Amino acid sequence: MAALGGNLQVLEKLWKCANENLTREVIRNNLLLATDDKGRTVFHVAAESANLEALNKVWDWAKESLTKEEINNKLLLATDDTGRTVWHLAVDGGNLEALLKAWEWAKLSLTREEVKYKLLLAADDKERNIWQVAADQDKLTELEQMWE
């Protein structure tokens, strides 16, 4: 995925080419909602890469091409094959900007219950929520800054 390396130019060229040559359904299923060999969507990869511009582009394209339900369930709350959400990946990588941006979008898109149970308390395959991941990585400060 072009977002993996945070290569914004490649990501933009890919999007332009897709829009010129592919149907909306193919873009939706094969670009925005497709997963890699680890079960990560392009949104997961962009958040993990710490490239805020790439994350913003993916978000903008998702808003253009996906339903609110798809954005919520297949991007914001989606988990990879180890049960990690975008928040797990951002916290694990210490990507505070990505975490804050995703938090902003989640507050606008998700219900309080979804934020609480499917985001903040969601556990990965090791039964760790984002707070535990932050503690394990000595990154609680980054996560606490999200609340300020």
N, C-alpha and C. Protein backbone atom coordinates (compact mmCIF):
# COMPACT_ATOMS: atom_id res chain seq x y z
N MET A 1 0.84 -1.18 0.00
CA MET A 1 0.00 0.00 0.00
C MET A 1 0.88 1.24 0.00
N ALA A 2 0.53 2.19 -0.86
CA ALA A 2 1.31 3.43 -0.98
C ALA A 2 1.36 4.19 0.34
N ALA A 3 0.30 4.06 1.14
CA ALA A 3 0.25 4.78 2.41
C ALA A 3 1.27 4.24 3.40
N LEU A 4 1.71 3.00 3.21
CA LEU A 4 2.64 2.38 4.15
C LEU A 4 3.91 3.19 4.32
N GLY A 5 4.47 3.62 3.22
CA GLY A 5 5.68 4.43 3.31
C GLY A 5 5.37 5.90 3.48
N GLY A 6 4.11 6.24 3.57
CA GLY A 6 3.74 7.63 3.70
C GLY A 6 4.03 8.41 2.44
N ASN A 7 4.08 7.73 1.30
CA ASN A 7 4.39 8.38 0.03
C ASN A 7 3.12 9.02 -0.53
N LEU A 8 2.95 10.29 -0.23
CA LEU A 8 1.73 11.00 -0.60
C LEU A 8 1.58 11.13 -2.11
N GLN A 9 2.68 11.35 -2.81
CA GLN A 9 2.60 11.49 -4.27
C GLN A 9 2.10 10.21 -4.92
N VAL A 10 2.61 9.09 -4.49
CA VAL A 10 2.17 7.81 -5.04
C VAL A 10 0.71 7.58 -4.71
N LEU A 11 0.33 7.89 -3.50
CA LEU A 11 -1.06 7.73 -3.07
C LEU A 11 -1.99 8.59 -3.92
N GLU A 12 -1.62 9.85 -4.17
CA GLU A 12 -2.45 10.74 -4.98
C GLU A 12 -2.53 10.27 -6.43
N LYS A 13 -1.43 9.80 -7.00
CA LYS A 13 -1.45 9.28 -8.38
C LYS A 13 -2.33 8.05 -8.48
N LEU A 14 -2.23 7.19 -7.50
CA LEU A 14 -3.06 5.99 -7.46
C LEU A 14 -4.54 6.37 -7.42
N TRP A 15 -4.88 7.33 -6.59
CA TRP A 15 -6.28 7.76 -6.46
C TRP A 15 -6.78 8.37 -7.77
N LYS A 16 -5.96 9.22 -8.38
CA LYS A 16 -6.35 9.85 -9.65
C LYS A 16 -6.57 8.79 -10.73
N CYS A 17 -5.66 7.87 -10.85
CA CYS A 17 -5.77 6.80 -11.84
C CYS A 17 -7.01 5.95 -11.57
N ALA A 18 -7.26 5.64 -10.31
CA ALA A 18 -8.44 4.84 -9.95
C ALA A 18 -9.72 5.56 -10.34
N ASN A 19 -9.79 6.86 -10.05
CA ASN A 19 -10.99 7.62 -10.38
C ASN A 19 -11.23 7.72 -11.88
N GLU A 20 -10.16 7.73 -12.65
CA GLU A 20 -10.28 7.83 -14.10
C GLU A 20 -10.61 6.50 -14.76
N ASN A 21 -10.26 5.39 -14.11
CA ASN A 21 -10.36 4.10 -14.78
C ASN A 21 -11.22 3.04 -14.10
N LEU A 22 -11.60 3.27 -12.86
CA LEU A 22 -12.33 2.25 -12.12
C LEU A 22 -13.71 2.73 -11.70
N THR A 23 -14.58 1.80 -11.46
CA THR A 23 -15.91 2.15 -10.96
C THR A 23 -15.83 2.49 -9.48
N ARG A 24 -16.83 3.17 -9.00
CA ARG A 24 -16.89 3.53 -7.59
C ARG A 24 -16.85 2.28 -6.70
N GLU A 25 -17.53 1.24 -7.15
CA GLU A 25 -17.57 0.00 -6.37
C GLU A 25 -16.18 -0.64 -6.28
N VAL A 26 -15.45 -0.65 -7.36
CA VAL A 26 -14.10 -1.21 -7.35
C VAL A 26 -13.19 -0.37 -6.45
N ILE A 27 -13.30 0.94 -6.54
CA ILE A 27 -12.50 1.82 -5.67
C ILE A 27 -12.81 1.52 -4.21
N ARG A 28 -14.10 1.43 -3.93
CA ARG A 28 -14.56 1.18 -2.58
C ARG A 28 -14.01 -0.15 -2.04
N ASN A 29 -14.23 -1.21 -2.80
CA ASN A 29 -13.88 -2.55 -2.32
C ASN A 29 -12.40 -2.89 -2.44
N ASN A 30 -11.75 -2.39 -3.48
CA ASN A 30 -10.37 -2.81 -3.74
C ASN A 30 -9.31 -1.82 -3.32
N LEU A 31 -9.71 -0.62 -2.95
CA LEU A 31 -8.75 0.37 -2.47
C LEU A 31 -9.03 0.76 -1.02
N LEU A 32 -10.20 1.28 -0.76
CA LEU A 32 -10.48 1.80 0.57
C LEU A 32 -10.78 0.72 1.61
N LEU A 33 -11.47 -0.33 1.20
CA LEU A 33 -11.86 -1.35 2.16
C LEU A 33 -11.03 -2.63 2.07
N ALA A 34 -10.15 -2.71 1.09
CA ALA A 34 -9.30 -3.89 0.94
C ALA A 34 -8.35 -3.98 2.13
N THR A 35 -7.93 -5.19 2.43
CA THR A 35 -6.98 -5.38 3.52
C THR A 35 -5.72 -6.05 3.00
N ASP A 36 -4.63 -5.79 3.69
CA ASP A 36 -3.35 -6.42 3.33
C ASP A 36 -3.24 -7.78 4.02
N ASP A 37 -2.08 -8.38 3.95
CA ASP A 37 -1.88 -9.72 4.52
C ASP A 37 -1.97 -9.74 6.05
N LYS A 38 -2.03 -8.57 6.67
CA LYS A 38 -2.19 -8.49 8.12
C LYS A 38 -3.59 -8.04 8.52
N GLY A 39 -4.48 -7.94 7.52
CA GLY A 39 -5.85 -7.54 7.80
C GLY A 39 -6.03 -6.05 8.00
N ARG A 40 -5.04 -5.25 7.60
CA ARG A 40 -5.11 -3.80 7.79
C ARG A 40 -5.67 -3.13 6.54
N THR A 41 -6.53 -2.16 6.75
CA THR A 41 -7.02 -1.32 5.65
C THR A 41 -6.00 -0.22 5.38
N VAL A 42 -6.21 0.51 4.31
CA VAL A 42 -5.33 1.64 4.00
C VAL A 42 -5.39 2.68 5.13
N PHE A 43 -6.52 2.75 5.83
CA PHE A 43 -6.66 3.67 6.96
C PHE A 43 -5.74 3.24 8.10
N HIS A 44 -5.70 1.93 8.41
CA HIS A 44 -4.76 1.42 9.42
C HIS A 44 -3.32 1.78 9.05
N VAL A 45 -2.98 1.51 7.79
CA VAL A 45 -1.61 1.71 7.33
C VAL A 45 -1.22 3.19 7.38
N ALA A 46 -2.13 4.05 6.96
CA ALA A 46 -1.85 5.49 6.99
C ALA A 46 -1.66 5.97 8.43
N ALA A 47 -2.46 5.49 9.35
CA ALA A 47 -2.33 5.88 10.76
C ALA A 47 -1.01 5.38 11.34
N GLU A 48 -0.64 4.18 10.96
CA GLU A 48 0.60 3.59 11.47
C GLU A 48 1.84 4.29 10.91
N SER A 49 1.72 4.82 9.70
CA SER A 49 2.88 5.43 9.03
C SER A 49 3.29 6.78 9.63
N ALA A 50 2.43 7.35 10.44
CA ALA A 50 2.67 8.66 11.05
C ALA A 50 2.73 9.78 10.02
N ASN A 51 2.14 9.55 8.85
CA ASN A 51 2.07 10.59 7.83
C ASN A 51 0.66 11.18 7.88
N LEU A 52 0.56 12.32 8.54
CA LEU A 52 -0.75 12.93 8.75
C LEU A 52 -1.41 13.34 7.43
N GLU A 53 -0.62 13.77 6.46
CA GLU A 53 -1.18 14.14 5.15
C GLU A 53 -1.81 12.93 4.47
N ALA A 54 -1.14 11.80 4.52
CA ALA A 54 -1.70 10.57 3.93
C ALA A 54 -2.97 10.17 4.66
N LEU A 55 -2.96 10.25 5.97
CA LEU A 55 -4.15 9.90 6.75
C LEU A 55 -5.31 10.82 6.39
N ASN A 56 -5.05 12.12 6.27
CA ASN A 56 -6.09 13.07 5.88
C ASN A 56 -6.64 12.77 4.49
N LYS A 57 -5.76 12.43 3.54
CA LYS A 57 -6.20 12.11 2.18
C LYS A 57 -7.10 10.88 2.19
N VAL A 58 -6.68 9.85 2.89
CA VAL A 58 -7.49 8.63 2.95
C VAL A 58 -8.85 8.94 3.57
N TRP A 59 -8.87 9.76 4.60
CA TRP A 59 -10.13 10.14 5.25
C TRP A 59 -11.02 10.89 4.26
N ASP A 60 -10.46 11.86 3.55
CA ASP A 60 -11.25 12.63 2.57
C ASP A 60 -11.82 11.72 1.50
N TRP A 61 -11.00 10.79 1.01
CA TRP A 61 -11.47 9.88 -0.04
C TRP A 61 -12.54 8.93 0.50
N ALA A 62 -12.40 8.51 1.74
CA ALA A 62 -13.40 7.65 2.35
C ALA A 62 -14.73 8.38 2.46
N LYS A 63 -14.69 9.65 2.86
CA LYS A 63 -15.93 10.43 2.97
C LYS A 63 -16.61 10.58 1.61
N GLU A 64 -15.82 10.64 0.53
CA GLU A 64 -16.37 10.75 -0.82
C GLU A 64 -16.98 9.45 -1.30
N SER A 65 -16.43 8.33 -0.88
CA SER A 65 -16.75 7.05 -1.50
C SER A 65 -17.50 6.05 -0.63
N LEU A 66 -17.51 6.24 0.67
CA LEU A 66 -18.10 5.26 1.56
C LEU A 66 -19.31 5.82 2.29
N THR A 67 -20.16 4.92 2.73
CA THR A 67 -21.29 5.33 3.56
C THR A 67 -20.80 5.59 4.98
N LYS A 68 -21.60 6.26 5.76
CA LYS A 68 -21.24 6.52 7.16
C LYS A 68 -21.02 5.21 7.91
N GLU A 69 -21.87 4.23 7.63
CA GLU A 69 -21.74 2.93 8.28
C GLU A 69 -20.41 2.25 7.92
N GLU A 70 -20.03 2.34 6.65
CA GLU A 70 -18.75 1.75 6.23
C GLU A 70 -17.58 2.48 6.88
N ILE A 71 -17.65 3.79 6.93
CA ILE A 71 -16.59 4.57 7.58
C ILE A 71 -16.47 4.15 9.04
N ASN A 72 -17.60 4.07 9.71
CA ASN A 72 -17.57 3.72 11.13
C ASN A 72 -17.05 2.31 11.36
N ASN A 73 -17.65 1.35 10.67
CA ASN A 73 -17.36 -0.06 10.96
C ASN A 73 -16.12 -0.61 10.26
N LYS A 74 -15.81 -0.09 9.09
CA LYS A 74 -14.71 -0.68 8.32
C LYS A 74 -13.44 0.17 8.31
N LEU A 75 -13.53 1.37 8.88
CA LEU A 75 -12.32 2.20 9.03
C LEU A 75 -12.10 2.55 10.50
N LEU A 76 -12.99 3.33 11.08
CA LEU A 76 -12.78 3.81 12.44
C LEU A 76 -12.72 2.68 13.47
N LEU A 77 -13.59 1.69 13.33
CA LEU A 77 -13.65 0.61 14.32
C LEU A 77 -13.07 -0.71 13.82
N ALA A 78 -12.56 -0.72 12.60
CA ALA A 78 -12.04 -1.96 12.02
C ALA A 78 -10.83 -2.45 12.81
N THR A 79 -10.67 -3.77 12.84
CA THR A 79 -9.52 -4.37 13.49
C THR A 79 -8.73 -5.18 12.46
N ASP A 80 -7.43 -5.27 12.71
CA ASP A 80 -6.59 -6.10 11.84
C ASP A 80 -6.67 -7.54 12.31
N ASP A 81 -5.83 -8.41 11.78
CA ASP A 81 -5.94 -9.83 12.14
C ASP A 81 -5.47 -10.16 13.55
N THR A 82 -4.94 -9.16 14.26
CA THR A 82 -4.59 -9.35 15.67
C THR A 82 -5.52 -8.55 16.59
N GLY A 83 -6.61 -8.07 16.02
CA GLY A 83 -7.60 -7.35 16.81
C GLY A 83 -7.25 -5.91 17.11
N ARG A 84 -6.22 -5.38 16.46
CA ARG A 84 -5.81 -4.00 16.71
C ARG A 84 -6.60 -3.03 15.85
N THR A 85 -7.03 -1.96 16.48
CA THR A 85 -7.71 -0.88 15.78
C THR A 85 -6.68 0.14 15.31
N VAL A 86 -7.15 1.15 14.61
CA VAL A 86 -6.28 2.26 14.21
C VAL A 86 -5.64 2.88 15.45
N TRP A 87 -6.39 2.92 16.53
CA TRP A 87 -5.88 3.53 17.76
C TRP A 87 -4.76 2.70 18.37
N HIS A 88 -4.90 1.37 18.36
CA HIS A 88 -3.81 0.51 18.83
C HIS A 88 -2.53 0.81 18.05
N LEU A 89 -2.66 0.88 16.72
CA LEU A 89 -1.48 1.10 15.87
C LEU A 89 -0.86 2.47 16.09
N ALA A 90 -1.70 3.50 16.20
CA ALA A 90 -1.19 4.85 16.42
C ALA A 90 -0.51 4.97 17.78
N VAL A 91 -1.12 4.40 18.81
CA VAL A 91 -0.52 4.44 20.15
C VAL A 91 0.79 3.66 20.16
N ASP A 92 0.75 2.47 19.57
CA ASP A 92 1.93 1.62 19.55
C ASP A 92 3.10 2.30 18.85
N GLY A 93 2.80 3.06 17.80
CA GLY A 93 3.85 3.77 17.08
C GLY A 93 4.17 5.14 17.64
N GLY A 94 3.44 5.55 18.67
CA GLY A 94 3.66 6.87 19.26
C GLY A 94 3.28 8.00 18.33
N ASN A 95 2.30 7.76 17.47
CA ASN A 95 1.88 8.74 16.48
C ASN A 95 0.75 9.61 17.04
N LEU A 96 1.13 10.56 17.87
CA LEU A 96 0.15 11.40 18.55
C LEU A 96 -0.73 12.17 17.58
N GLU A 97 -0.15 12.72 16.53
CA GLU A 97 -0.95 13.50 15.57
C GLU A 97 -2.00 12.62 14.90
N ALA A 98 -1.62 11.41 14.50
CA ALA A 98 -2.58 10.49 13.88
C ALA A 98 -3.65 10.11 14.89
N LEU A 99 -3.25 9.89 16.11
CA LEU A 99 -4.20 9.54 17.17
C LEU A 99 -5.19 10.67 17.41
N LEU A 100 -4.70 11.89 17.49
CA LEU A 100 -5.58 13.03 17.72
C LEU A 100 -6.54 13.25 16.56
N LYS A 101 -6.05 13.10 15.33
CA LYS A 101 -6.91 13.28 14.15
C LYS A 101 -7.99 12.20 14.11
N ALA A 102 -7.60 10.95 14.34
CA ALA A 102 -8.58 9.86 14.35
C ALA A 102 -9.58 10.05 15.49
N TRP A 103 -9.12 10.56 16.62
CA TRP A 103 -10.00 10.83 17.76
C TRP A 103 -11.04 11.88 17.38
N GLU A 104 -10.59 12.94 16.70
CA GLU A 104 -11.49 14.00 16.24
C GLU A 104 -12.58 13.43 15.33
N TRP A 105 -12.18 12.59 14.38
CA TRP A 105 -13.15 11.99 13.46
C TRP A 105 -14.09 11.04 14.18
N ALA A 106 -13.57 10.28 15.13
CA ALA A 106 -14.41 9.34 15.87
C ALA A 106 -15.48 10.07 16.66
N LYS A 107 -15.12 11.18 17.30
CA LYS A 107 -16.10 11.94 18.08
C LYS A 107 -17.23 12.47 17.20
N LEU A 108 -16.92 12.76 15.93
CA LEU A 108 -17.93 13.26 15.01
C LEU A 108 -18.80 12.15 14.42
N SER A 109 -18.26 10.95 14.35
CA SER A 109 -18.92 9.87 13.62
C SER A 109 -19.54 8.77 14.46
N LEU A 110 -19.00 8.53 15.64
CA LEU A 110 -19.43 7.40 16.45
C LEU A 110 -20.31 7.83 17.61
N THR A 111 -21.10 6.89 18.10
CA THR A 111 -21.90 7.14 19.31
C THR A 111 -20.98 7.05 20.53
N ARG A 112 -21.46 7.54 21.64
CA ARG A 112 -20.68 7.47 22.89
C ARG A 112 -20.37 6.02 23.26
N GLU A 113 -21.37 5.15 23.04
CA GLU A 113 -21.18 3.73 23.36
C GLU A 113 -20.09 3.11 22.49
N GLU A 114 -20.11 3.45 21.20
CA GLU A 114 -19.09 2.93 20.28
C GLU A 114 -17.70 3.43 20.68
N VAL A 115 -17.61 4.71 21.02
CA VAL A 115 -16.32 5.27 21.44
C VAL A 115 -15.82 4.54 22.68
N LYS A 116 -16.71 4.36 23.63
CA LYS A 116 -16.31 3.75 24.90
C LYS A 116 -15.93 2.28 24.74
N TYR A 117 -16.82 1.48 24.15
CA TYR A 117 -16.62 0.04 24.14
C TYR A 117 -15.85 -0.49 22.92
N LYS A 118 -16.03 0.13 21.77
CA LYS A 118 -15.40 -0.39 20.57
C LYS A 118 -14.11 0.33 20.20
N LEU A 119 -13.82 1.41 20.89
CA LEU A 119 -12.60 2.16 20.60
C LEU A 119 -11.70 2.19 21.83
N LEU A 120 -12.12 2.81 22.89
CA LEU A 120 -11.26 2.98 24.06
C LEU A 120 -11.01 1.68 24.82
N LEU A 121 -12.00 0.81 24.85
CA LEU A 121 -11.85 -0.44 25.60
C LEU A 121 -11.69 -1.67 24.71
N ALA A 122 -11.61 -1.47 23.41
CA ALA A 122 -11.44 -2.60 22.49
C ALA A 122 -10.12 -3.30 22.78
N ALA A 123 -10.17 -4.63 22.85
CA ALA A 123 -8.98 -5.40 23.16
C ALA A 123 -8.44 -6.11 21.92
N ASP A 124 -7.11 -6.15 21.83
CA ASP A 124 -6.47 -6.88 20.74
C ASP A 124 -6.38 -8.36 21.10
N ASP A 125 -5.66 -9.14 20.32
CA ASP A 125 -5.59 -10.58 20.59
C ASP A 125 -4.82 -10.93 21.86
N LYS A 126 -4.14 -9.95 22.43
CA LYS A 126 -3.44 -10.14 23.71
C LYS A 126 -4.26 -9.56 24.86
N GLU A 127 -5.52 -9.22 24.54
CA GLU A 127 -6.46 -8.66 25.52
C GLU A 127 -6.03 -7.30 26.06
N ARG A 128 -5.32 -6.52 25.21
CA ARG A 128 -4.87 -5.19 25.62
C ARG A 128 -5.71 -4.13 24.93
N ASN A 129 -6.21 -3.18 25.69
CA ASN A 129 -6.87 -2.02 25.09
C ASN A 129 -5.81 -0.95 24.83
N ILE A 130 -6.23 0.18 24.28
CA ILE A 130 -5.22 1.18 23.91
C ILE A 130 -4.48 1.75 25.12
N TRP A 131 -5.13 1.78 26.27
CA TRP A 131 -4.48 2.27 27.48
C TRP A 131 -3.36 1.32 27.90
N GLN A 132 -3.62 0.03 27.80
CA GLN A 132 -2.61 -0.96 28.16
C GLN A 132 -1.45 -0.96 27.16
N VAL A 133 -1.77 -0.78 25.87
CA VAL A 133 -0.72 -0.69 24.86
C VAL A 133 0.15 0.53 25.15
N ALA A 134 -0.48 1.63 25.48
CA ALA A 134 0.27 2.85 25.80
C ALA A 134 1.16 2.63 27.02
N ALA A 135 0.64 1.96 28.03
CA ALA A 135 1.45 1.69 29.23
C ALA A 135 2.61 0.75 28.90
N ASP A 136 2.34 -0.29 28.11
CA ASP A 136 3.40 -1.23 27.71
C ASP A 136 4.51 -0.55 26.93
N GLN A 137 4.15 0.45 26.14
CA GLN A 137 5.12 1.15 25.29
C GLN A 137 5.66 2.41 25.98
N ASP A 138 5.29 2.62 27.22
CA ASP A 138 5.68 3.83 27.96
C ASP A 138 5.23 5.08 27.22
N LYS A 139 3.98 5.05 26.74
CA LYS A 139 3.44 6.16 25.96
C LYS A 139 2.12 6.67 26.52
N LEU A 140 1.92 6.50 27.79
CA LEU A 140 0.68 6.99 28.40
C LEU A 140 0.55 8.50 28.26
N THR A 141 1.67 9.21 28.29
CA THR A 141 1.64 10.67 28.16
C THR A 141 0.98 11.06 26.85
N GLU A 142 1.35 10.37 25.75
CA GLU A 142 0.77 10.68 24.45
C GLU A 142 -0.75 10.48 24.47
N LEU A 143 -1.18 9.39 25.06
CA LEU A 143 -2.61 9.09 25.10
C LEU A 143 -3.34 10.09 26.01
N GLU A 144 -2.74 10.44 27.12
CA GLU A 144 -3.35 11.40 28.03
C GLU A 144 -3.49 12.77 27.37
N GLN A 145 -2.58 13.14 26.48
CA GLN A 145 -2.67 14.42 25.78
C GLN A 145 -3.92 14.50 24.92
N MET A 146 -4.42 13.37 24.50
CA MET A 146 -5.63 13.33 23.68
C MET A 146 -6.81 13.92 24.45
N TRP A 147 -6.81 13.79 25.76
CA TRP A 147 -7.93 14.25 26.57
C TRP A 147 -7.86 15.73 26.88
N GLU A 148 -6.72 16.37 26.64
CA GLU A 148 -6.57 17.79 26.98
C GLU A 148 -7.29 18.69 26.01
